[in-house]
């Protein structure tokens, strides 16, 4: 089956790489196209603006071969693996009759530090992870030469000078950071109709005079593994296997008021919350609680399990949030430091 695919390659800031070779191959071993450039972006999984296929139709690639120089690590890697084509074909077919914003026509290749390689299939509204693989570090003496590696790294840092400064101040991430980012868990989102009494969260009763139904309008999520879900439905309210959220957008109405809340989750704090919660019981799915009390101006995130009393709340430093009521800013957490308009995504 032939598809119209737009293919791009990206690396997360501040870890730029120079692609020496990257090829996509069909079932007959024929090369589909060769990428010669990539972009260093600040959002893992974000499509770069460099497209290698945009108008012609091609069979979906079954194999990816790549070689690159990592400026941050001053070394070379080589990857060669099969893409999960069967799953990709099924996803594309499910979406082909939908609007252009929902068609899965974008293939993004992500290169992480220490040889991690991700492949995402996406539309404007949704992104799914097809592969997460590990490349092999290769000998520079046999493949490219140490002097050329040094030159390439210097050229990369002259282009991405902010990356060099960031690495000088912060160094490389831990070797398992991206492995942790790409870990998936079974959970669902739950918006609770509760109120905060100044010390704890409590459920409304039928006798509460100030109780207004909380009616969800939408939930969007961007995850640490680079996947995205901005679909109009409420699939996120069902249990699903997915990465840890990095950004959450929630819109709801209560009484006559319209609300929208935007959460930014701190990288290490959010990963630790999920790791610690699931290490106790990795088999049972979790509820990611959205605790939204506009009367008390209290907005929190927590993890729990259906039928259990124990709730693990995210601490105040684990996320930032801003809330709008009827289009005007209504509340922001004390630690909020996002730039203006950061909630538009």
C-alpha atoms as a PDB file:
ATOM      1  CA  UNK A   1       0.000   0.000   0.000  1.00  0.00           C
ATOM      2  CA  UNK A   2       1.269   3.459  -0.901  1.00  0.00           C
ATOM      3  CA  UNK A   3       1.095   6.455   1.439  1.00  0.00           C
ATOM      4  CA  UNK A   4       1.713  10.168   1.338  1.00  0.00           C
ATOM      5  CA  UNK A   5       4.232  10.635   4.131  1.00  0.00           C
ATOM      6  CA  UNK A   6       6.108  13.654   5.422  1.00  0.00           C
ATOM      7  CA  UNK A   7       9.296  12.534   7.165  1.00  0.00           C
ATOM      8  CA  UNK A   8      11.500  14.607   9.460  1.00  0.00           C
ATOM      9  CA  UNK A   9      14.290  14.070  11.960  1.00  0.00           C
ATOM     10  CA  UNK A  10      14.914  15.849  15.252  1.00  0.00           C
ATOM     11  CA  UNK A  11      17.164  15.775  18.300  1.00  0.00           C
ATOM     12  CA  UNK A  12      16.252  17.238  21.702  1.00  0.00           C
ATOM     13  CA  UNK A  13      17.922  20.414  22.914  1.00  0.00           C
ATOM     14  CA  UNK A  14      20.759  20.667  23.968  1.00  0.00           C
ATOM     15  CA  UNK A  15      22.060  17.508  22.252  1.00  0.00           C
ATOM     16  CA  UNK A  16      22.603  18.336  18.555  1.00  0.00           C
ATOM     17  CA  UNK A  17      23.836  15.668  16.150  1.00  0.00           C
ATOM     18  CA  UNK A  18      25.155  15.585  12.606  1.00  0.00           C
ATOM     19  CA  UNK A  19      23.542  12.953  10.426  1.00  0.00           C
ATOM     20  CA  UNK A  20      26.131  11.186   8.283  1.00  0.00           C
ATOM     21  CA  UNK A  21      23.602   8.723   6.872  1.00  0.00           C
ATOM     22  CA  UNK A  22      19.932   8.028   7.336  1.00  0.00           C
ATOM     23  CA  UNK A  23      17.904   5.846   5.023  1.00  0.00           C
ATOM     24  CA  UNK A  24      14.425   4.368   4.909  1.00  0.00           C
ATOM     25  CA  UNK A  25      13.860   1.116   3.018  1.00  0.00           C
ATOM     26  CA  UNK A  26      10.817  -0.759   1.721  1.00  0.00           C
ATOM     27  CA  UNK A  27      10.108  -4.504   1.833  1.00  0.00           C
ATOM     28  CA  UNK A  28      12.240  -5.073  -1.279  1.00  0.00           C
ATOM     29  CA  UNK A  29      15.218  -3.324   0.247  1.00  0.00           C
ATOM     30  CA  UNK A  30      14.867  -0.259  -1.969  1.00  0.00           C
ATOM     31  CA  UNK A  31      15.724   3.079  -0.437  1.00  0.00           C
ATOM     32  CA  UNK A  32      12.720   5.371  -0.118  1.00  0.00           C
ATOM     33  CA  UNK A  33      14.606   8.602   0.567  1.00  0.00           C
ATOM     34  CA  UNK A  34      17.679   9.906   2.360  1.00  0.00           C
ATOM     35  CA  UNK A  35      17.576  12.576   5.050  1.00  0.00           C
ATOM     36  CA  UNK A  36      20.586  14.903   4.988  1.00  0.00           C
ATOM     37  CA  UNK A  37      19.613  17.358   7.725  1.00  0.00           C
ATOM     38  CA  UNK A  38      17.860  17.401  11.063  1.00  0.00           C
ATOM     39  CA  UNK A  39      16.807  19.996  13.642  1.00  0.00           C
ATOM     40  CA  UNK A  40      17.498  20.374  17.347  1.00  0.00           C
ATOM     41  CA  UNK A  41      14.168  21.149  19.016  1.00  0.00           C
ATOM     42  CA  UNK A  42      13.155  21.885  22.600  1.00  0.00           C
ATOM     43  CA  UNK A  43      10.196  19.482  22.616  1.00  0.00           C
ATOM     44  CA  UNK A  44      11.009  15.765  22.349  1.00  0.00           C
ATOM     45  CA  UNK A  45       8.914  14.256  19.564  1.00  0.00           C
ATOM     46  CA  UNK A  46       8.166  17.580  17.884  1.00  0.00           C
ATOM     47  CA  UNK A  47       8.255  17.438  14.108  1.00  0.00           C
ATOM     48  CA  UNK A  48      11.086  19.465  12.594  1.00  0.00           C
ATOM     49  CA  UNK A  49      10.460  21.694   9.590  1.00  0.00           C
ATOM     50  CA  UNK A  50      12.750  19.635   7.350  1.00  0.00           C
ATOM     51  CA  UNK A  51      10.589  17.319   5.231  1.00  0.00           C
ATOM     52  CA  UNK A  52      11.945  14.631   2.903  1.00  0.00           C
ATOM     53  CA  UNK A  53       8.659  13.302   1.501  1.00  0.00           C
ATOM     54  CA  UNK A  54       5.606  15.494   1.038  1.00  0.00           C
ATOM     55  CA  UNK A  55       3.838  14.945  -2.287  1.00  0.00           C
ATOM     56  CA  UNK A  56       4.744  11.561  -3.771  1.00  0.00           C
ATOM     57  CA  UNK A  57       3.325   8.289  -2.482  1.00  0.00           C
ATOM     58  CA  UNK A  58       5.589   5.595  -1.049  1.00  0.00           C
ATOM     59  CA  UNK A  59       5.235   2.214   0.655  1.00  0.00           C
ATOM     60  CA  UNK A  60       5.562   2.559   4.398  1.00  0.00           C
ATOM     61  CA  UNK A  61       9.242   1.979   5.328  1.00  0.00           C
ATOM     62  CA  UNK A  62      10.086  -1.283   7.070  1.00  0.00           C
ATOM     63  CA  UNK A  63      13.702  -0.539   7.960  1.00  0.00           C
ATOM     64  CA  UNK A  64      15.742   2.425   9.141  1.00  0.00           C
ATOM     65  CA  UNK A  65      19.525   2.746   8.912  1.00  0.00           C
ATOM     66  CA  UNK A  66      21.302   5.765  10.367  1.00  0.00           C
ATOM     67  CA  UNK A  67      24.735   6.973  11.428  1.00  0.00           C
ATOM     68  CA  UNK A  68      25.466  10.217  13.244  1.00  0.00           C
ATOM     69  CA  UNK A  69      27.945  12.209  15.295  1.00  0.00           C
ATOM     70  CA  UNK A  70      26.798  13.372  18.739  1.00  0.00           C
ATOM     71  CA  UNK A  71      28.280  16.754  19.637  1.00  0.00           C
ATOM     72  CA  UNK A  72      27.375  16.364  23.309  1.00  0.00           C
ATOM     73  CA  UNK A  73      29.133  12.996  23.596  1.00  0.00           C
ATOM     74  CA  UNK A  74      31.871  13.583  20.984  1.00  0.00           C
ATOM     75  CA  UNK A  75      31.279  10.170  19.437  1.00  0.00           C
ATOM     76  CA  UNK A  76      29.515   8.285  16.610  1.00  0.00           C
ATOM     77  CA  UNK A  77      26.512   5.947  16.598  1.00  0.00           C
ATOM     78  CA  UNK A  78      24.957   3.582  14.091  1.00  0.00           C
ATOM     79  CA  UNK A  79      21.384   2.261  14.135  1.00  0.00           C
ATOM     80  CA  UNK A  80      19.789  -0.433  11.976  1.00  0.00           C
ATOM     81  CA  UNK A  81      16.344  -1.752  12.908  1.00  0.00           C
ATOM     82  CA  UNK A  82      12.925  -2.746  11.607  1.00  0.00           C
ATOM     83  CA  UNK A  83      10.057  -0.274  11.948  1.00  0.00           C
ATOM     84  CA  UNK A  84       6.749  -1.534  13.338  1.00  0.00           C
ATOM     85  CA  UNK A  85       5.136  -1.342   9.902  1.00  0.00           C
ATOM     86  CA  UNK A  86       2.202  -3.628  10.637  1.00  0.00           C
ATOM     87  CA  UNK A  87       1.009  -1.374  13.463  1.00  0.00           C
ATOM     88  CA  UNK A  88       1.674   1.750  11.390  1.00  0.00           C
ATOM     89  CA  UNK A  89      -0.403   0.454   8.444  1.00  0.00           C
ATOM     90  CA  UNK A  90      -3.297  -0.376  10.766  1.00  0.00           C
ATOM     91  CA  UNK A  91      -3.190   3.090  12.336  1.00  0.00           C
ATOM     92  CA  UNK A  92      -3.028   4.844   8.972  1.00  0.00           C
ATOM     93  CA  UNK A  93      -6.011   2.855   7.672  1.00  0.00           C
ATOM     94  CA  UNK A  94      -8.034   3.713  10.787  1.00  0.00           C
ATOM     95  CA  UNK A  95      -7.449   7.418  10.199  1.00  0.00           C
ATOM     96  CA  UNK A  96      -7.486   7.697   6.399  1.00  0.00           C
ATOM     97  CA  UNK A  97     -11.163   8.676   6.154  1.00  0.00           C
ATOM     98  CA  UNK A  98     -10.852  11.401   8.791  1.00  0.00           C
ATOM     99  CA  UNK A  99     -10.175  15.101   8.300  1.00  0.00           C
ATOM    100  CA  UNK A 100      -6.698  16.183   7.223  1.00  0.00           C
ATOM    101  CA  UNK A 101      -5.848  17.256  10.795  1.00  0.00           C
ATOM    102  CA  UNK A 102      -6.412  13.677  11.986  1.00  0.00           C
ATOM    103  CA  UNK A 103      -4.751  11.691   9.193  1.00  0.00           C
ATOM    104  CA  UNK A 104      -1.556   9.978  10.297  1.00  0.00           C
ATOM    105  CA  UNK A 105       0.737  11.291   7.556  1.00  0.00           C
ATOM    106  CA  UNK A 106       3.851  12.354   9.482  1.00  0.00           C
ATOM    107  CA  UNK A 107       6.803  10.144  10.367  1.00  0.00           C
ATOM    108  CA  UNK A 108       9.273  11.657  12.828  1.00  0.00           C
ATOM    109  CA  UNK A 109      12.630  10.163  13.772  1.00  0.00           C
ATOM    110  CA  UNK A 110      14.091  11.286  17.099  1.00  0.00           C
ATOM    111  CA  UNK A 111      17.721  10.820  18.154  1.00  0.00           C
ATOM    112  CA  UNK A 112      18.391  10.967  21.904  1.00  0.00           C
ATOM    113  CA  UNK A 113      21.656  10.984  23.884  1.00  0.00           C
ATOM    114  CA  UNK A 114      23.473   7.676  24.382  1.00  0.00           C
ATOM    115  CA  UNK A 115      22.116   6.168  21.171  1.00  0.00           C
ATOM    116  CA  UNK A 116      18.359   6.242  21.737  1.00  0.00           C
ATOM    117  CA  UNK A 117      16.246   6.339  18.568  1.00  0.00           C
ATOM    118  CA  UNK A 118      12.482   6.898  18.478  1.00  0.00           C
ATOM    119  CA  UNK A 119      10.051   6.712  15.570  1.00  0.00           C
ATOM    120  CA  UNK A 120       6.673   8.438  15.857  1.00  0.00           C
ATOM    121  CA  UNK A 121       3.673   8.388  13.535  1.00  0.00           C
ATOM    122  CA  UNK A 122       1.474  11.446  13.885  1.00  0.00           C
ATOM    123  CA  UNK A 123      -1.195  13.831  12.699  1.00  0.00           C
ATOM    124  CA  UNK A 124      -1.747  17.394  13.869  1.00  0.00           C
ATOM    125  CA  UNK A 125      -3.867  16.091  16.731  1.00  0.00           C
ATOM    126  CA  UNK A 126      -2.216  12.816  17.751  1.00  0.00           C
ATOM    127  CA  UNK A 127       1.221  11.230  17.897  1.00  0.00           C
ATOM    128  CA  UNK A 128       1.993   7.549  18.552  1.00  0.00           C
ATOM    129  CA  UNK A 129       5.318   5.859  19.269  1.00  0.00           C
ATOM    130  CA  UNK A 130       6.152   3.061  16.825  1.00  0.00           C
ATOM    131  CA  UNK A 131       9.704   2.241  17.935  1.00  0.00           C
ATOM    132  CA  UNK A 132      12.189   2.973  20.695  1.00  0.00           C
ATOM    133  CA  UNK A 133      15.577   1.429  19.867  1.00  0.00           C
ATOM    134  CA  UNK A 134      19.222   1.630  20.949  1.00  0.00           C
ATOM    135  CA  UNK A 135      22.009   2.377  18.486  1.00  0.00           C
ATOM    136  CA  UNK A 136      25.558   1.043  18.769  1.00  0.00           C
ATOM    137  CA  UNK A 137      28.511   3.339  19.415  1.00  0.00           C
ATOM    138  CA  UNK A 138      31.029   2.813  16.634  1.00  0.00           C
ATOM    139  CA  UNK A 139      34.785   3.189  16.415  1.00  0.00           C
ATOM    140  CA  UNK A 140      35.801   6.541  14.991  1.00  0.00           C
ATOM    141  CA  UNK A 141      39.100   5.161  13.718  1.00  0.00           C
ATOM    142  CA  UNK A 142      37.388   2.717  11.372  1.00  0.00           C
ATOM    143  CA  UNK A 143      34.383   4.747  10.300  1.00  0.00           C
ATOM    144  CA  UNK A 144      35.047   8.476  10.212  1.00  0.00           C
ATOM    145  CA  UNK A 145      38.234   9.539  12.022  1.00  0.00           C
ATOM    146  CA  UNK A 146      38.727  11.455  15.251  1.00  0.00           C
ATOM    147  CA  UNK A 147      39.743  14.726  13.576  1.00  0.00           C
ATOM    148  CA  UNK A 148      36.570  14.829  11.506  1.00  0.00           C
ATOM    149  CA  UNK A 149      34.453  14.122  14.600  1.00  0.00           C
ATOM    150  CA  UNK A 150      36.051  17.078  16.386  1.00  0.00           C
ATOM    151  CA  UNK A 151      35.428  19.327  13.371  1.00  0.00           C
ATOM    152  CA  UNK A 152      31.787  18.252  13.101  1.00  0.00           C
ATOM    153  CA  UNK A 153      31.217  18.898  16.802  1.00  0.00           C
ATOM    154  CA  UNK A 154      32.733  22.368  16.517  1.00  0.00           C
ATOM    155  CA  UNK A 155      30.469  23.142  13.555  1.00  0.00           C
ATOM    156  CA  UNK A 156      27.403  21.919  15.443  1.00  0.00           C
ATOM    157  CA  UNK A 157      28.179  24.039  18.481  1.00  0.00           C
ATOM    158  CA  UNK A 158      28.766  27.092  16.297  1.00  0.00           C
ATOM    159  CA  UNK A 159      25.200  26.599  15.014  1.00  0.00           C
ATOM    160  CA  UNK A 160      23.682  25.632  18.366  1.00  0.00           C
ATOM    161  CA  UNK A 161      25.809  27.863  20.624  1.00  0.00           C
ATOM    162  CA  UNK A 162      23.154  27.838  23.344  1.00  0.00           C
ATOM    163  CA  UNK A 163      23.463  24.038  23.485  1.00  0.00           C
ATOM    164  CA  UNK A 164      27.193  24.263  24.178  1.00  0.00           C
ATOM    165  CA  UNK A 165      26.558  26.749  27.000  1.00  0.00           C
ATOM    166  CA  UNK A 166      23.829  24.531  28.472  1.00  0.00           C
ATOM    167  CA  UNK A 167      26.058  21.459  28.377  1.00  0.00           C
ATOM    168  CA  UNK A 168      28.923  23.387  29.988  1.00  0.00           C
ATOM    169  CA  UNK A 169      26.622  24.359  32.866  1.00  0.00           C
ATOM    170  CA  UNK A 170      24.586  21.182  33.256  1.00  0.00           C
ATOM    171  CA  UNK A 171      26.533  18.372  31.578  1.00  0.00           C
ATOM    172  CA  UNK A 172      25.006  15.298  29.994  1.00  0.00           C
ATOM    173  CA  UNK A 173      21.852  13.710  31.398  1.00  0.00           C
ATOM    174  CA  UNK A 174      22.025  10.407  33.238  1.00  0.00           C
ATOM    175  CA  UNK A 175      22.365   7.497  30.832  1.00  0.00           C
ATOM    176  CA  UNK A 176      18.946   6.122  31.783  1.00  0.00           C
ATOM    177  CA  UNK A 177      17.050   9.422  31.589  1.00  0.00           C
ATOM    178  CA  UNK A 178      15.507   8.796  28.184  1.00  0.00           C
ATOM    179  CA  UNK A 179      14.817   5.155  29.038  1.00  0.00           C
ATOM    180  CA  UNK A 180      12.785   6.458  31.960  1.00  0.00           C
ATOM    181  CA  UNK A 181      11.088   9.067  29.771  1.00  0.00           C
ATOM    182  CA  UNK A 182       9.987   6.416  27.292  1.00  0.00           C
ATOM    183  CA  UNK A 183       8.468   4.111  29.947  1.00  0.00           C
ATOM    184  CA  UNK A 184       4.712   3.579  29.611  1.00  0.00           C
ATOM    185  CA  UNK A 185       2.131   2.949  32.322  1.00  0.00           C
ATOM    186  CA  UNK A 186      -1.521   1.912  32.463  1.00  0.00           C
ATOM    187  CA  UNK A 187      -3.654   4.796  33.720  1.00  0.00           C
ATOM    188  CA  UNK A 188      -6.592   7.075  32.971  1.00  0.00           C
ATOM    189  CA  UNK A 189      -7.531  10.676  33.719  1.00  0.00           C
ATOM    190  CA  UNK A 190     -10.250  11.276  36.315  1.00  0.00           C
ATOM    191  CA  UNK A 191     -11.743  14.716  36.981  1.00  0.00           C
ATOM    192  CA  UNK A 192     -13.133  14.648  40.512  1.00  0.00           C
ATOM    193  CA  UNK A 193     -16.079  16.700  41.717  1.00  0.00           C
ATOM    194  CA  UNK A 194     -14.506  17.649  45.048  1.00  0.00           C
ATOM    195  CA  UNK A 195     -13.810  20.747  47.116  1.00  0.00           C
ATOM    196  CA  UNK A 196     -10.812  21.766  49.209  1.00  0.00           C
ATOM    197  CA  UNK A 197     -11.702  22.621  52.822  1.00  0.00           C
ATOM    198  CA  UNK A 198      -8.360  24.232  53.631  1.00  0.00           C
ATOM    199  CA  UNK A 199      -6.716  21.021  54.761  1.00  0.00           C
ATOM    200  CA  UNK A 200      -8.002  18.184  52.637  1.00  0.00           C
ATOM    201  CA  UNK A 201     -10.115  17.314  49.604  1.00  0.00           C
ATOM    202  CA  UNK A 202     -13.682  16.202  50.243  1.00  0.00           C
ATOM    203  CA  UNK A 203     -16.509  14.946  48.062  1.00  0.00           C
ATOM    204  CA  UNK A 204     -19.583  17.104  47.588  1.00  0.00           C
ATOM    205  CA  UNK A 205     -22.846  15.892  49.057  1.00  0.00           C
ATOM    206  CA  UNK A 206     -26.361  16.506  47.764  1.00  0.00           C
ATOM    207  CA  UNK A 207     -26.905  19.015  50.593  1.00  0.00           C
ATOM    208  CA  UNK A 208     -24.031  21.318  49.593  1.00  0.00           C
ATOM    209  CA  UNK A 209     -25.492  24.709  48.658  1.00  0.00           C
ATOM    210  CA  UNK A 210     -22.590  25.796  46.467  1.00  0.00           C
ATOM    211  CA  UNK A 211     -22.219  22.642  44.451  1.00  0.00           C
ATOM    212  CA  UNK A 212     -22.163  22.976  40.659  1.00  0.00           C
ATOM    213  CA  UNK A 213     -21.614  20.032  38.343  1.00  0.00           C
ATOM    214  CA  UNK A 214     -18.162  19.871  36.775  1.00  0.00           C
ATOM    215  CA  UNK A 215     -18.693  19.041  33.106  1.00  0.00           C
ATOM    216  CA  UNK A 216     -15.574  18.262  31.105  1.00  0.00           C
ATOM    217  CA  UNK A 217     -15.226  19.764  27.642  1.00  0.00           C
ATOM    218  CA  UNK A 218     -11.781  18.423  26.646  1.00  0.00           C
ATOM    219  CA  UNK A 219      -8.487  16.981  27.881  1.00  0.00           C
ATOM    220  CA  UNK A 220      -5.261  17.276  25.890  1.00  0.00           C
ATOM    221  CA  UNK A 221      -1.944  15.751  26.880  1.00  0.00           C
ATOM    222  CA  UNK A 222       1.687  15.931  25.754  1.00  0.00           C
ATOM    223  CA  UNK A 223       3.865  13.156  27.190  1.00  0.00           C
ATOM    224  CA  UNK A 224       7.513  12.725  28.132  1.00  0.00           C
ATOM    225  CA  UNK A 225       7.893   9.980  25.501  1.00  0.00           C
ATOM    226  CA  UNK A 226       7.114  12.510  22.742  1.00  0.00           C
ATOM    227  CA  UNK A 227       3.539  11.388  22.097  1.00  0.00           C
ATOM    228  CA  UNK A 228       0.558  13.719  21.913  1.00  0.00           C
ATOM    229  CA  UNK A 229      -3.222  13.420  22.169  1.00  0.00           C
ATOM    230  CA  UNK A 230      -5.412  16.405  21.285  1.00  0.00           C
ATOM    231  CA  UNK A 231      -8.380  14.484  19.914  1.00  0.00           C
ATOM    232  CA  UNK A 232     -11.848  15.838  20.557  1.00  0.00           C
ATOM    233  CA  UNK A 233     -13.146  12.689  22.278  1.00  0.00           C
ATOM    234  CA  UNK A 234     -12.654  11.478  25.825  1.00  0.00           C
ATOM    235  CA  UNK A 235     -10.505   8.400  25.193  1.00  0.00           C
ATOM    236  CA  UNK A 236      -8.112   9.617  27.903  1.00  0.00           C
ATOM    237  CA  UNK A 237     -10.821   8.955  30.500  1.00  0.00           C
ATOM    238  CA  UNK A 238     -10.452   5.235  29.735  1.00  0.00           C
ATOM    239  CA  UNK A 239      -7.483   3.177  30.886  1.00  0.00           C
ATOM    240  CA  UNK A 240      -4.698   3.311  28.309  1.00  0.00           C
ATOM    241  CA  UNK A 241      -1.006   2.417  28.067  1.00  0.00           C
ATOM    242  CA  UNK A 242       0.948   5.638  27.723  1.00  0.00           C
ATOM    243  CA  UNK A 243       3.923   7.692  28.805  1.00  0.00           C
ATOM    244  CA  UNK A 244       4.058  10.092  31.737  1.00  0.00           C
ATOM    245  CA  UNK A 245       2.344  13.440  30.979  1.00  0.00           C
ATOM    246  CA  UNK A 246       4.540  16.492  30.583  1.00  0.00           C
ATOM    247  CA  UNK A 247       1.735  18.967  29.766  1.00  0.00           C
ATOM    248  CA  UNK A 248      -2.000  18.740  30.381  1.00  0.00           C
ATOM    249  CA  UNK A 249      -4.778  20.988  29.112  1.00  0.00           C
ATOM    250  CA  UNK A 250      -8.218  20.647  30.743  1.00  0.00           C
ATOM    251  CA  UNK A 251     -11.338  22.595  29.785  1.00  0.00           C
ATOM    252  CA  UNK A 252     -14.622  22.380  31.652  1.00  0.00           C
ATOM    253  CA  UNK A 253     -17.676  24.356  32.626  1.00  0.00           C
ATOM    254  CA  UNK A 254     -19.292  24.642  36.014  1.00  0.00           C
ATOM    255  CA  UNK A 255     -22.556  26.491  36.361  1.00  0.00           C
ATOM    256  CA  UNK A 256     -22.403  29.373  33.859  1.00  0.00           C
ATOM    257  CA  UNK A 257     -18.609  29.710  33.969  1.00  0.00           C
ATOM    258  CA  UNK A 258     -16.135  28.294  31.437  1.00  0.00           C
ATOM    259  CA  UNK A 259     -12.718  27.219  32.743  1.00  0.00           C
ATOM    260  CA  UNK A 260      -9.446  26.110  31.186  1.00  0.00           C
ATOM    261  CA  UNK A 261      -6.439  24.891  33.180  1.00  0.00           C
ATOM    262  CA  UNK A 262      -2.944  24.229  31.846  1.00  0.00           C
ATOM    263  CA  UNK A 263      -0.394  22.143  33.741  1.00  0.00           C
ATOM    264  CA  UNK A 264       3.340  21.829  33.086  1.00  0.00           C
ATOM    265  CA  UNK A 265       4.859  18.841  34.902  1.00  0.00           C
ATOM    266  CA  UNK A 266       8.480  18.974  36.052  1.00  0.00           C
ATOM    267  CA  UNK A 267      10.514  16.272  34.286  1.00  0.00           C
ATOM    268  CA  UNK A 268      12.193  14.421  37.152  1.00  0.00           C
ATOM    269  CA  UNK A 269       9.407  15.012  39.649  1.00  0.00           C
ATOM    270  CA  UNK A 270       6.691  13.576  37.408  1.00  0.00           C
ATOM    271  CA  UNK A 271       8.796  10.542  36.482  1.00  0.00           C
ATOM    272  CA  UNK A 272       9.520   9.808  40.156  1.00  0.00           C
ATOM    273  CA  UNK A 273       5.827  10.062  41.032  1.00  0.00           C
ATOM    274  CA  UNK A 274       4.868   7.422  38.473  1.00  0.00           C
ATOM    275  CA  UNK A 275       7.877   5.208  39.239  1.00  0.00           C
ATOM    276  CA  UNK A 276       7.253   5.182  42.993  1.00  0.00           C
ATOM    277  CA  UNK A 277       3.524   4.676  42.582  1.00  0.00           C
ATOM    278  CA  UNK A 278       3.836   1.768  40.159  1.00  0.00           C
ATOM    279  CA  UNK A 279       6.774   0.041  41.859  1.00  0.00           C
ATOM    280  CA  UNK A 280       4.372  -0.883  44.673  1.00  0.00           C
ATOM    281  CA  UNK A 281       1.907  -2.495  42.266  1.00  0.00           C
ATOM    282  CA  UNK A 282       2.857  -2.525  38.592  1.00  0.00           C
ATOM    283  CA  UNK A 283      -0.036  -4.733  37.459  1.00  0.00           C
ATOM    284  CA  UNK A 284      -3.047  -2.643  38.387  1.00  0.00           C
ATOM    285  CA  UNK A 285      -3.831   0.555  36.431  1.00  0.00           C
ATOM    286  CA  UNK A 286      -3.888   3.952  38.112  1.00  0.00           C
ATOM    287  CA  UNK A 287      -6.113   7.016  38.113  1.00  0.00           C
ATOM    288  CA  UNK A 288      -4.453  10.356  37.425  1.00  0.00           C
ATOM    289  CA  UNK A 289      -6.704  12.658  39.423  1.00  0.00           C
ATOM    290  CA  UNK A 290      -7.476  16.182  38.243  1.00  0.00           C
ATOM    291  CA  UNK A 291      -8.602  17.996  41.379  1.00  0.00           C
ATOM    292  CA  UNK A 292     -10.256  21.227  40.281  1.00  0.00           C
ATOM    293  CA  UNK A 293     -11.847  23.484  42.894  1.00  0.00           C
ATOM    294  CA  UNK A 294     -12.365  26.930  41.399  1.00  0.00           C
ATOM    295  CA  UNK A 295     -14.204  28.242  44.461  1.00  0.00           C
ATOM    296  CA  UNK A 296     -11.107  27.691  46.610  1.00  0.00           C
ATOM    297  CA  UNK A 297      -8.744  28.346  43.692  1.00  0.00           C
ATOM    298  CA  UNK A 298      -7.091  24.996  44.301  1.00  0.00           C
ATOM    299  CA  UNK A 299      -5.857  22.850  41.418  1.00  0.00           C
ATOM    300  CA  UNK A 300      -3.874  19.685  42.070  1.00  0.00           C
ATOM    301  CA  UNK A 301      -2.727  16.442  40.472  1.00  0.00           C
ATOM    302  CA  UNK A 302      -2.605  13.086  42.249  1.00  0.00           C
ATOM    303  CA  UNK A 303      -2.330   9.346  41.612  1.00  0.00           C
ATOM    304  CA  UNK A 304      -4.716   6.782  43.050  1.00  0.00           C
ATOM    305  CA  UNK A 305      -6.411   3.475  42.256  1.00  0.00           C
ATOM    306  CA  UNK A 306     -10.104   2.776  42.035  1.00  0.00           C
ATOM    307  CA  UNK A 307     -11.453   1.378  45.295  1.00  0.00           C
ATOM    308  CA  UNK A 308      -8.440   2.495  47.369  1.00  0.00           C
ATOM    309  CA  UNK A 309      -8.296   5.277  49.944  1.00  0.00           C
ATOM    310  CA  UNK A 310      -4.586   6.027  49.496  1.00  0.00           C
ATOM    311  CA  UNK A 311      -3.893   9.022  47.271  1.00  0.00           C
ATOM    312  CA  UNK A 312      -0.411  10.200  46.279  1.00  0.00           C
ATOM    313  CA  UNK A 313      -0.472  13.924  45.555  1.00  0.00           C
ATOM    314  CA  UNK A 314       2.091  15.678  43.401  1.00  0.00           C
ATOM    315  CA  UNK A 315       4.015  18.179  45.517  1.00  0.00           C
ATOM    316  CA  UNK A 316       3.717  21.864  44.692  1.00  0.00           C
ATOM    317  CA  UNK A 317       7.107  21.978  42.946  1.00  0.00           C
ATOM    318  CA  UNK A 318       6.301  19.041  40.648  1.00  0.00           C
ATOM    319  CA  UNK A 319       4.120  21.147  38.347  1.00  0.00           C
ATOM    320  CA  UNK A 320       3.105  24.663  37.334  1.00  0.00           C
ATOM    321  CA  UNK A 321      -0.420  25.678  36.415  1.00  0.00           C
ATOM    322  CA  UNK A 322      -2.406  28.606  35.086  1.00  0.00           C
ATOM    323  CA  UNK A 323      -6.224  28.761  35.011  1.00  0.00           C
ATOM    324  CA  UNK A 324      -8.562  30.954  32.972  1.00  0.00           C
ATOM    325  CA  UNK A 325     -12.196  31.694  33.741  1.00  0.00           C
ATOM    326  CA  UNK A 326     -14.380  32.971  30.907  1.00  0.00           C
ATOM    327  CA  UNK A 327     -11.271  33.831  28.907  1.00  0.00           C
ATOM    328  CA  UNK A 328      -9.485  35.827  31.636  1.00  0.00           C
ATOM    329  CA  UNK A 329      -6.676  34.716  33.877  1.00  0.00           C
ATOM    330  CA  UNK A 330      -8.153  33.440  37.118  1.00  0.00           C
ATOM    331  CA  UNK A 331      -5.273  31.763  38.946  1.00  0.00           C
ATOM    332  CA  UNK A 332      -1.638  30.760  38.607  1.00  0.00           C
ATOM    333  CA  UNK A 333       0.563  28.689  40.918  1.00  0.00           C
ATOM    334  CA  UNK A 334       3.190  30.666  42.890  1.00  0.00           C
ATOM    335  CA  UNK A 335       5.994  28.950  40.941  1.00  0.00           C
ATOM    336  CA  UNK A 336       4.515  29.712  37.508  1.00  0.00           C
ATOM    337  CA  UNK A 337       7.199  31.067  35.150  1.00  0.00           C
ATOM    338  CA  UNK A 338       6.047  30.093  31.649  1.00  0.00           C
ATOM    339  CA  UNK A 339       6.280  32.735  28.891  1.00  0.00           C
ATOM    340  CA  UNK A 340       3.166  34.565  27.721  1.00  0.00           C
ATOM    341  CA  UNK A 341       1.049  32.405  25.456  1.00  0.00           C
ATOM    342  CA  UNK A 342       2.750  29.161  26.486  1.00  0.00           C
ATOM    343  CA  UNK A 343      -0.681  27.630  27.057  1.00  0.00           C
ATOM    344  CA  UNK A 344      -1.484  27.787  23.333  1.00  0.00           C
ATOM    345  CA  UNK A 345      -0.514  24.401  21.867  1.00  0.00           C
END
